[in-house]
Amino acid sequence: MLLIGNGQVITRDPDRPYLKDGAVVTEGAKIVAVGETDAMKKACPGAQFVDARGNVIMPGLINAHTHIYSGLARGLAIEGNNPTNFLEVLEGMWWAIDRKLTLDGTRASAYATILDCIRNGVTTIFDHHASFGEIPGSLFAIKDVAQELGMRACLCYEVSERDGAEKTRQGIQENADFARWAIKADDPMIKAMFGGHALFTISDKTFEEMVKANDGMTGFHIHVAEGMNDVYDSLRNYGCRPVNRLLYNGILGERTLLGHCIHVSPAEMDIIKETGTMVVNNPESNMGNAVGCAPVLQMMKKGITVGMGTDAYTHDMLESMKVFLIIQRHNAALPNVAWGEDVTMQFVNNRVIAEKYFGVPLGILKEGAAADVIVMDYKPFTPFSNENIDGHMLFGMNGRNCSTTVINGRLLYHDRRFVDIDEDRINAWTLEQSKALWGALNHRTY
């Protein structure tokens, strides 16, 4: 039993949103009590006390779309790569990397990504993986690392025809094998979706094979209209827009998650809404790739569940919230929009998305919810209360304010040090894998 107390508690529970001097008590995988620190200490005298030292106690953060396979790219420059458009970014950087990823490279990417997530207070991730260098077993390799480090993860493989029929078949098979494993294992921490890359890399025949292999086991996680490539390809080769193609091929539905959706029309938004399909926005990645600003405000006005991810551009969800606010205001040329949508995406809709897969309340501190709790090293110098919590988060906090991370009742990170995780050993091994990857990409030794 853990008692995380002596802090200002942000619960995200509308019935009790804030405690000035509060505590969260966890037992096993669940939160068993939330209340004033002194009362919780008296009620749970045998609990291990985790002292927040007056800082902010809050629910763990959820990242609804990331890419573990990019984990070894930090500081990398691929010789000769100078992209001038989104397709060149994919071909020159990301597809080049994933074509060289072995299973060990995938494991190293998972270690690097998950450790950084824990440091930033992220306790649940939805990953969209690609390792065309070695596909079979890649999701299981990520699963093993997630279980070792204690991360809550929903995984899928990025099916694409970009490297030929055999790689397409392997991607479909990896998704199906992992989804079957996840159903049989019924691990509360590891779930599966069925992944697909952008529509311009997937034919209707492959969609048919994906739907058949999935056989209703899970929802789809797919990139949609991130660049205009998708729109042009769908109109030119299929006579319809991307979301219509997904509808005709049986991909949409209440458990399906569409990444990006930057270039979707109002009619496509209506289809997304009517099918109950979910969307995830990745504001920093979209800006970095110069692909545009997603019409999130319009989608949410129509009642679409839009969550927030990072596309692995960062592992700091609070940073993404900051960027979402300013890109939407810049795009609308209005300084008074997007605040409510921003907070709703991270603290409401990401919960909705995650709970569909993990089946327990996440992103909230209340009795019966998952024991995912973080402490943010943040002592405000202006008034702090339930009335302005979101303002403090958007303008005062960053992911690296996180000093303590508890996932599923397991204390993984405390006072900015990993607990029972040999970070130095992992980093040393990961460095060797990154040197091998960079060497393969640039044909030289690092």
Protein backbone atom coordinates (compact mmCIF):
# COMPACT_ATOMS: atom_id res chain seq x y z
CA MET A 1 0.00 0.00 0.00
CA LEU A 2 1.25 3.47 -0.97
CA LEU A 3 0.16 6.78 0.53
CA ILE A 4 1.18 9.67 -1.71
CA GLY A 5 0.48 12.73 0.41
CA ASN A 6 1.38 16.14 1.74
CA GLY A 7 0.56 17.77 -1.57
CA GLN A 8 -2.01 19.81 -3.47
CA VAL A 9 -4.17 17.19 -5.15
CA ILE A 10 -5.71 17.68 -8.59
CA THR A 11 -8.10 14.77 -8.99
CA ARG A 12 -9.93 15.50 -12.30
CA ASP A 13 -12.95 14.15 -10.42
CA PRO A 14 -15.76 16.71 -10.80
CA ASP A 15 -17.23 15.66 -7.46
CA ARG A 16 -14.02 16.53 -5.62
CA PRO A 17 -11.62 18.32 -7.98
CA TYR A 18 -9.05 19.73 -5.55
CA LEU A 19 -7.60 19.19 -2.08
CA LYS A 20 -5.20 21.78 -0.67
CA ASP A 21 -3.40 19.28 1.56
CA GLY A 22 -4.38 15.88 0.28
CA ALA A 23 -3.27 12.32 -0.25
CA VAL A 24 -3.95 9.39 -2.55
CA VAL A 25 -3.85 5.86 -1.17
CA THR A 26 -3.20 2.93 -3.51
CA GLU A 27 -3.39 -0.78 -2.85
CA GLY A 28 -2.38 -3.16 -5.59
CA ALA A 29 -3.46 -1.77 -8.94
CA LYS A 30 -6.24 0.50 -7.65
CA ILE A 31 -6.75 3.74 -5.76
CA VAL A 32 -8.55 2.92 -2.52
CA ALA A 33 -8.93 6.39 -1.01
CA VAL A 34 -8.43 10.10 -1.63
CA GLY A 35 -8.61 12.60 1.22
CA GLU A 36 -6.83 14.95 3.56
CA THR A 37 -3.29 13.85 4.37
CA ASP A 38 -3.72 13.56 8.14
CA ALA A 39 -6.95 11.59 7.76
CA MET A 40 -5.38 9.19 5.26
CA LYS A 41 -2.36 8.62 7.52
CA LYS A 42 -4.63 7.75 10.44
CA ALA A 43 -6.75 5.45 8.28
CA CYS A 44 -3.74 3.67 6.69
CA PRO A 45 -0.97 3.53 9.34
CA GLY A 46 0.90 0.72 7.59
CA ALA A 47 1.13 2.35 4.17
CA GLN A 48 4.46 3.36 2.62
CA PHE A 49 4.48 7.15 2.70
CA VAL A 50 5.56 9.02 -0.43
CA ASP A 51 6.05 12.65 0.56
CA ALA A 52 5.00 15.16 -2.11
CA ARG A 53 6.61 17.95 -0.07
CA GLY A 54 3.82 20.41 -0.79
CA ASN A 55 3.97 19.84 -4.54
CA VAL A 56 1.15 18.86 -6.90
CA ILE A 57 -0.29 15.34 -6.90
CA MET A 58 -2.27 14.50 -10.04
CA PRO A 59 -3.32 11.63 -12.31
CA GLY A 60 -0.80 10.09 -14.68
CA LEU A 61 -0.91 11.48 -18.21
CA ILE A 62 -2.07 9.59 -21.31
CA ASN A 63 -0.43 9.78 -24.75
CA ALA A 64 -2.97 8.59 -27.34
CA HIS A 65 -0.52 8.37 -30.28
CA THR A 66 3.23 7.87 -30.31
CA HIS A 67 5.91 5.98 -32.26
CA ILE A 68 8.41 3.93 -30.28
CA TYR A 69 10.35 3.15 -33.46
CA SER A 70 11.66 6.73 -33.57
CA GLY A 71 13.24 6.36 -30.14
CA LEU A 72 16.85 6.22 -31.41
CA ALA A 73 16.58 9.22 -33.74
CA ARG A 74 17.58 11.90 -31.23
CA GLY A 75 20.59 13.78 -32.66
CA LEU A 76 20.58 11.70 -35.87
CA ALA A 77 21.25 13.26 -39.27
CA ILE A 78 20.94 10.99 -42.29
CA GLU A 79 23.48 12.04 -44.87
CA GLY A 80 21.92 13.50 -48.00
CA ASN A 81 18.47 13.90 -46.45
CA ASN A 82 17.08 17.40 -47.03
CA PRO A 83 13.28 17.04 -47.25
CA THR A 84 11.17 19.76 -48.85
CA ASN A 85 7.76 18.12 -48.33
CA PHE A 86 6.04 15.59 -46.09
CA LEU A 87 6.56 12.58 -48.38
CA GLU A 88 10.29 13.34 -48.47
CA VAL A 89 10.28 13.49 -44.66
CA LEU A 90 8.77 9.99 -44.56
CA GLU A 91 11.01 8.51 -47.23
CA GLY A 92 14.24 10.19 -46.18
CA MET A 93 13.96 9.82 -42.40
CA TRP A 94 11.30 7.64 -40.85
CA TRP A 95 11.00 4.92 -43.46
CA ALA A 96 14.78 4.79 -43.73
CA ILE A 97 15.03 4.24 -39.97
CA ASP A 98 12.36 1.58 -39.68
CA ARG A 99 13.85 -0.39 -42.61
CA LYS A 100 17.02 -0.81 -40.53
CA LEU A 101 15.36 -1.67 -37.21
CA THR A 102 16.09 -5.16 -35.92
CA LEU A 103 14.32 -6.67 -32.91
CA ASP A 104 17.13 -5.40 -30.69
CA GLY A 105 16.76 -1.95 -32.23
CA THR A 106 13.05 -2.10 -31.49
CA ARG A 107 13.75 -3.12 -27.87
CA ALA A 108 16.24 -0.27 -27.48
CA SER A 109 13.71 2.18 -28.93
CA ALA A 110 11.14 0.93 -26.44
CA TYR A 111 13.52 1.37 -23.51
CA ALA A 112 14.41 4.92 -24.57
CA THR A 113 10.80 5.94 -25.16
CA ILE A 114 9.28 4.40 -22.05
CA LEU A 115 11.94 5.74 -19.68
CA ASP A 116 11.37 9.23 -21.08
CA CYS A 117 7.60 8.82 -20.71
CA ILE A 118 8.00 7.87 -17.05
CA ARG A 119 10.22 10.92 -16.49
CA ASN A 120 7.49 13.12 -17.96
CA GLY A 121 4.64 11.64 -15.93
CA VAL A 122 3.12 9.68 -18.83
CA THR A 123 1.62 6.45 -17.52
CA THR A 124 -0.32 5.18 -20.58
CA ILE A 125 0.76 5.10 -24.22
CA PHE A 126 -0.86 4.11 -27.50
CA ASP A 127 2.01 3.11 -29.77
CA HIS A 128 1.97 2.76 -33.56
CA HIS A 129 5.03 0.68 -34.45
CA ALA A 130 7.03 0.10 -37.64
CA SER A 131 10.22 -1.95 -38.04
CA PHE A 132 10.30 -3.17 -41.61
CA GLY A 133 13.81 -4.48 -41.03
CA GLU A 134 12.39 -7.17 -38.74
CA ILE A 135 8.61 -7.35 -38.35
CA PRO A 136 7.76 -10.76 -36.79
CA GLY A 137 7.92 -10.54 -33.00
CA SER A 138 8.37 -6.76 -32.91
CA LEU A 139 5.18 -6.05 -30.92
CA PHE A 140 6.10 -8.82 -28.50
CA ALA A 141 9.55 -7.24 -28.05
CA ILE A 142 7.93 -3.91 -27.16
CA LYS A 143 5.48 -5.70 -24.87
CA ASP A 144 8.35 -7.33 -22.97
CA VAL A 145 10.03 -3.95 -22.35
CA ALA A 146 6.74 -2.32 -21.33
CA GLN A 147 6.12 -5.11 -18.81
CA GLU A 148 9.67 -4.89 -17.46
CA LEU A 149 9.50 -1.12 -16.96
CA GLY A 150 5.86 -1.04 -15.81
CA MET A 151 4.29 1.02 -18.61
CA ARG A 152 0.60 0.73 -19.53
CA ALA A 153 0.64 0.28 -23.32
CA CYS A 154 -1.71 -0.39 -26.23
CA LEU A 155 0.30 -1.61 -29.23
CA CYS A 156 -0.16 -2.14 -32.97
CA TYR A 157 1.94 -2.59 -36.11
CA GLU A 158 1.87 -0.16 -39.02
CA VAL A 159 0.67 -2.18 -42.05
CA SER A 160 1.89 -0.65 -45.31
CA GLU A 161 2.54 -1.82 -48.86
CA ARG A 162 5.56 0.47 -49.24
CA ASP A 163 8.05 -2.41 -49.06
CA GLY A 164 6.19 -5.05 -51.04
CA ALA A 165 3.75 -7.91 -50.59
CA GLU A 166 5.76 -10.03 -48.13
CA LYS A 167 6.31 -7.16 -45.69
CA THR A 168 2.62 -6.29 -45.99
CA ARG A 169 1.70 -9.87 -45.11
CA GLN A 170 4.10 -9.88 -42.15
CA GLY A 171 2.63 -6.64 -40.80
CA ILE A 172 -0.91 -8.02 -40.97
CA GLN A 173 0.23 -11.24 -39.31
CA GLU A 174 2.05 -9.41 -36.50
CA ASN A 175 -1.08 -7.41 -35.68
CA ALA A 176 -3.27 -10.50 -35.71
CA ASP A 177 -0.86 -12.61 -33.64
CA PHE A 178 -0.46 -9.88 -31.04
CA ALA A 179 -4.20 -9.19 -30.83
CA ARG A 180 -4.84 -12.89 -30.23
CA TRP A 181 -2.12 -12.94 -27.56
CA ALA A 182 -3.61 -9.89 -25.84
CA ILE A 183 -7.07 -11.41 -25.72
CA LYS A 184 -5.76 -14.69 -24.30
CA ALA A 185 -3.33 -13.07 -21.83
CA ASP A 186 -5.92 -10.55 -20.61
CA ASP A 187 -3.08 -8.50 -19.14
CA PRO A 188 -4.59 -5.33 -17.64
CA MET A 189 -1.48 -3.38 -18.67
CA ILE A 190 -1.02 -4.49 -22.29
CA LYS A 191 -3.67 -4.21 -25.01
CA ALA A 192 -3.73 -4.41 -28.80
CA MET A 193 -5.07 -2.47 -31.74
CA PHE A 194 -4.71 -3.26 -35.47
CA GLY A 195 -2.42 -0.72 -37.12
CA GLY A 196 -2.20 0.78 -40.57
CA HIS A 197 -0.06 3.48 -42.10
CA ALA A 198 -1.43 6.27 -44.32
CA LEU A 199 -4.07 5.32 -46.85
CA PHE A 200 -1.84 6.16 -49.81
CA THR A 201 0.32 3.15 -48.82
CA ILE A 202 -2.64 0.74 -48.42
CA SER A 203 -4.84 -0.65 -51.21
CA ASP A 204 -8.44 -1.77 -50.81
CA LYS A 205 -7.23 -5.37 -51.17
CA THR A 206 -4.94 -4.92 -48.17
CA PHE A 207 -7.74 -3.29 -46.19
CA GLU A 208 -9.85 -6.36 -46.93
CA GLU A 209 -7.07 -8.63 -45.68
CA MET A 210 -6.63 -6.49 -42.54
CA VAL A 211 -10.34 -6.64 -41.69
CA LYS A 212 -10.37 -10.41 -42.27
CA ALA A 213 -7.29 -10.99 -40.11
CA ASN A 214 -8.63 -8.76 -37.34
CA ASP A 215 -11.97 -10.58 -37.37
CA GLY A 216 -13.47 -8.08 -34.94
CA MET A 217 -10.82 -8.67 -32.26
CA THR A 218 -10.01 -5.00 -31.77
CA GLY A 219 -10.21 -1.51 -33.27
CA PHE A 220 -7.94 -0.02 -35.91
CA HIS A 221 -5.27 2.64 -35.32
CA ILE A 222 -4.43 4.35 -38.60
CA HIS A 223 -2.94 7.56 -40.01
CA VAL A 224 -5.53 9.58 -41.94
CA ALA A 225 -5.10 12.71 -44.09
CA GLU A 226 -1.91 13.74 -42.31
CA GLY A 227 -0.67 15.10 -45.64
CA MET A 228 -2.44 15.92 -48.87
CA ASN A 229 -0.92 12.73 -50.32
CA ASP A 230 -3.79 10.81 -48.75
CA VAL A 231 -6.43 13.07 -50.22
CA TYR A 232 -4.96 13.12 -53.73
CA ASP A 233 -4.40 9.35 -53.75
CA SER A 234 -7.93 8.53 -52.57
CA LEU A 235 -9.56 10.89 -55.07
CA ARG A 236 -7.37 9.87 -57.98
CA ASN A 237 -7.35 6.10 -57.46
CA TYR A 238 -10.60 5.41 -55.60
CA GLY A 239 -12.92 8.26 -56.53
CA CYS A 240 -13.59 9.32 -52.93
CA ARG A 241 -11.99 11.04 -49.95
CA PRO A 242 -9.92 9.14 -47.32
CA VAL A 243 -12.59 8.82 -44.62
CA ASN A 244 -15.06 7.53 -47.21
CA ARG A 245 -12.53 4.84 -48.17
CA LEU A 246 -12.24 3.79 -44.54
CA LEU A 247 -16.02 3.63 -44.26
CA TYR A 248 -16.37 1.51 -47.40
CA ASN A 249 -13.65 -0.86 -46.19
CA GLY A 250 -15.12 -1.43 -42.72
CA ILE A 251 -12.35 0.31 -40.78
CA LEU A 252 -14.37 2.91 -38.87
CA GLY A 253 -16.16 2.29 -35.58
CA GLU A 254 -16.28 3.05 -31.87
CA ARG A 255 -12.93 1.37 -31.12
CA THR A 256 -11.03 2.82 -34.08
CA LEU A 257 -8.58 5.69 -33.65
CA LEU A 258 -7.67 7.97 -36.56
CA GLY A 259 -4.35 9.79 -36.28
CA HIS A 260 -4.03 13.40 -37.46
CA CYS A 261 -7.09 14.03 -39.72
CA ILE A 262 -5.66 17.38 -40.83
CA HIS A 263 -7.17 17.49 -44.31
CA VAL A 264 -10.67 16.14 -43.65
CA SER A 265 -13.80 17.80 -45.03
CA PRO A 266 -16.96 18.66 -43.07
CA ALA A 267 -18.69 15.68 -44.71
CA GLU A 268 -15.87 13.39 -43.58
CA MET A 269 -16.22 14.78 -40.05
CA ASP A 270 -19.89 13.82 -40.16
CA ILE A 271 -18.95 10.24 -41.08
CA ILE A 272 -16.43 10.10 -38.23
CA LYS A 273 -19.08 11.36 -35.81
CA GLU A 274 -21.86 9.04 -36.99
CA THR A 275 -19.65 5.95 -36.78
CA GLY A 276 -18.42 6.85 -33.28
CA THR A 277 -14.81 6.80 -34.50
CA MET A 278 -12.19 8.60 -32.41
CA VAL A 279 -9.45 11.00 -33.56
CA VAL A 280 -6.08 11.92 -32.06
CA ASN A 281 -4.31 15.23 -32.74
CA ASN A 282 -0.52 15.66 -32.65
CA PRO A 283 0.10 19.41 -32.81
CA GLU A 284 3.90 19.64 -32.57
CA SER A 285 4.52 16.90 -35.12
CA ASN A 286 2.09 18.52 -37.53
CA MET A 287 3.90 21.83 -37.24
CA GLY A 288 7.31 20.18 -37.56
CA ASN A 289 6.28 18.35 -40.72
CA ALA A 290 4.61 21.48 -42.11
CA VAL A 291 1.45 19.56 -42.94
CA GLY A 292 -1.08 22.01 -41.52
CA CYS A 293 -3.36 22.62 -38.55
CA ALA A 294 -6.02 19.98 -37.88
CA PRO A 295 -9.61 21.30 -37.68
CA VAL A 296 -9.95 20.10 -34.10
CA LEU A 297 -12.28 22.90 -33.02
CA GLN A 298 -14.71 22.01 -35.80
CA MET A 299 -14.47 18.28 -35.08
CA MET A 300 -15.15 18.77 -31.40
CA LYS A 301 -18.03 21.11 -32.18
CA LYS A 302 -19.57 18.23 -34.12
CA GLY A 303 -19.18 15.99 -31.06
CA ILE A 304 -16.21 13.90 -32.23
CA THR A 305 -13.98 12.48 -29.49
CA VAL A 306 -10.58 14.04 -30.23
CA GLY A 307 -7.69 13.07 -28.00
CA MET A 308 -4.11 14.26 -27.82
CA GLY A 309 -0.92 12.50 -28.81
CA THR A 310 2.62 13.51 -29.62
CA ASP A 311 3.52 11.40 -32.68
CA ALA A 312 6.78 10.94 -30.68
CA TYR A 313 7.84 14.53 -31.43
CA THR A 314 8.01 14.84 -27.64
CA HIS A 315 7.05 12.71 -24.64
CA ASP A 316 5.82 15.74 -22.72
CA MET A 317 2.03 15.94 -22.88
CA LEU A 318 1.96 19.36 -21.19
CA GLU A 319 4.26 20.69 -23.87
CA SER A 320 1.83 19.39 -26.49
CA MET A 321 -1.03 21.14 -24.74
CA LYS A 322 0.85 24.42 -24.89
CA VAL A 323 1.53 24.02 -28.61
CA PHE A 324 -2.06 22.98 -29.38
CA LEU A 325 -3.36 26.18 -27.83
CA ILE A 326 -1.13 28.48 -29.84
CA ILE A 327 -1.41 26.74 -33.22
CA GLN A 328 -5.21 26.69 -33.00
CA ARG A 329 -5.32 30.37 -32.02
CA HIS A 330 -2.85 31.28 -34.74
CA ASN A 331 -4.84 29.31 -37.31
CA ALA A 332 -8.16 30.87 -36.24
CA ALA A 333 -6.62 34.34 -35.86
CA LEU A 334 -8.47 34.51 -32.56
CA PRO A 335 -6.79 34.80 -29.14
CA ASN A 336 -9.79 33.48 -27.21
CA VAL A 337 -10.32 29.97 -28.63
CA ALA A 338 -9.10 26.41 -27.97
CA TRP A 339 -8.59 26.60 -24.18
CA GLY A 340 -11.54 24.38 -23.31
CA GLU A 341 -10.86 21.98 -26.16
CA ASP A 342 -7.21 21.69 -25.12
CA VAL A 343 -8.04 20.67 -21.56
CA THR A 344 -10.86 18.38 -22.70
CA MET A 345 -8.61 16.52 -25.13
CA GLN A 346 -5.98 15.66 -22.53
CA PHE A 347 -8.02 15.21 -19.37
CA VAL A 348 -11.36 13.93 -20.68
CA ASN A 349 -11.07 12.49 -24.18
CA ASN A 350 -7.75 10.70 -23.64
CA ARG A 351 -9.43 9.02 -20.69
CA VAL A 352 -12.35 7.99 -22.90
CA ILE A 353 -9.99 6.52 -25.50
CA ALA A 354 -7.85 4.68 -22.95
CA GLU A 355 -10.73 3.32 -20.92
CA LYS A 356 -12.20 1.65 -24.03
CA TYR A 357 -9.11 -0.54 -24.13
CA PHE A 358 -7.98 -0.91 -20.54
CA GLY A 359 -11.44 -1.15 -18.99
CA VAL A 360 -10.62 0.76 -15.80
CA PRO A 361 -10.93 4.47 -14.93
CA LEU A 362 -7.72 6.20 -15.98
CA GLY A 363 -6.55 9.80 -15.73
CA ILE A 364 -8.54 10.42 -12.55
CA LEU A 365 -7.84 10.18 -8.83
CA LYS A 366 -10.79 8.56 -7.14
CA GLU A 367 -11.61 5.32 -5.37
CA GLY A 368 -11.61 2.40 -7.80
CA ALA A 369 -9.53 4.13 -10.50
CA ALA A 370 -6.22 2.76 -11.72
CA ALA A 371 -3.32 3.54 -9.40
CA ASP A 372 -1.55 5.83 -11.88
CA VAL A 373 -0.35 8.85 -9.90
CA ILE A 374 2.35 11.48 -10.47
CA VAL A 375 3.86 14.24 -8.38
CA MET A 376 4.83 17.48 -10.09
CA ASP A 377 7.59 19.55 -8.53
CA TYR A 378 5.66 22.80 -8.74
CA LYS A 379 5.28 25.35 -6.01
CA PRO A 380 3.18 28.25 -7.33
CA PHE A 381 4.03 31.86 -6.60
CA THR A 382 0.52 33.01 -7.55
CA PRO A 383 -2.85 31.82 -6.13
CA PHE A 384 -3.53 28.18 -6.92
CA SER A 385 -6.94 26.55 -6.60
CA ASN A 386 -9.54 24.57 -8.48
CA GLU A 387 -10.48 27.75 -10.33
CA ASN A 388 -7.16 28.15 -12.15
CA ILE A 389 -5.49 24.74 -12.18
CA ASP A 390 -5.50 24.56 -15.98
CA GLY A 391 -3.86 27.95 -16.27
CA HIS A 392 -1.04 26.81 -14.02
CA MET A 393 -0.61 23.66 -16.10
CA LEU A 394 -0.60 25.46 -19.44
CA PHE A 395 1.70 28.30 -18.40
CA GLY A 396 3.64 26.97 -15.43
CA MET A 397 4.24 23.23 -15.67
CA ASN A 398 6.24 21.02 -18.00
CA GLY A 399 6.61 17.27 -18.10
CA ARG A 400 10.04 17.48 -16.50
CA ASN A 401 8.39 18.95 -13.40
CA CYS A 402 7.48 15.33 -12.70
CA SER A 403 9.45 14.05 -9.71
CA THR A 404 7.49 10.87 -8.90
CA THR A 405 5.62 8.39 -11.09
CA VAL A 406 3.44 5.52 -9.90
CA ILE A 407 1.90 3.21 -12.52
CA ASN A 408 -0.54 0.45 -11.61
CA GLY A 409 0.44 0.88 -7.96
CA ARG A 410 4.16 0.41 -8.67
CA LEU A 411 6.54 3.19 -7.62
CA LEU A 412 8.76 3.52 -10.69
CA TYR A 413 10.29 6.96 -10.30
CA HIS A 414 10.83 8.89 -7.07
CA ASP A 415 12.65 12.15 -6.42
CA ARG A 416 13.75 12.06 -10.07
CA ARG A 417 15.43 8.67 -9.74
CA PHE A 418 14.21 5.38 -11.15
CA VAL A 419 13.25 2.75 -8.58
CA ASP A 420 14.48 -0.81 -9.22
CA ILE A 421 15.35 0.12 -12.82
CA ASP A 422 19.03 0.14 -13.81
CA GLU A 423 18.99 3.23 -16.00
CA ASP A 424 22.75 3.26 -16.60
CA ARG A 425 22.79 -0.35 -17.80
CA ILE A 426 19.81 0.23 -20.09
CA ASN A 427 21.29 3.43 -21.51
CA ALA A 428 24.64 1.76 -22.21
CA TRP A 429 22.99 -1.08 -24.12
CA THR A 430 20.66 1.32 -25.94
CA LEU A 431 23.65 3.42 -27.02
CA GLU A 432 25.24 0.39 -28.66
CA GLN A 433 22.01 -0.32 -30.56
CA SER A 434 21.72 3.28 -31.70
CA LYS A 435 25.33 3.23 -32.95
CA ALA A 436 24.54 0.12 -34.99
CA LEU A 437 21.39 1.74 -36.43
CA TRP A 438 23.13 5.03 -37.29
CA GLY A 439 26.01 3.12 -38.85
CA ALA A 440 23.64 1.14 -41.05
CA LEU A 441 21.89 4.34 -42.15
CA ASN A 442 25.03 6.35 -42.93
CA HIS A 443 27.40 3.49 -43.83
CA ARG A 444 30.00 4.42 -41.25
CA THR A 445 31.04 3.65 -37.68
CA TYR A 446 29.90 5.72 -34.71
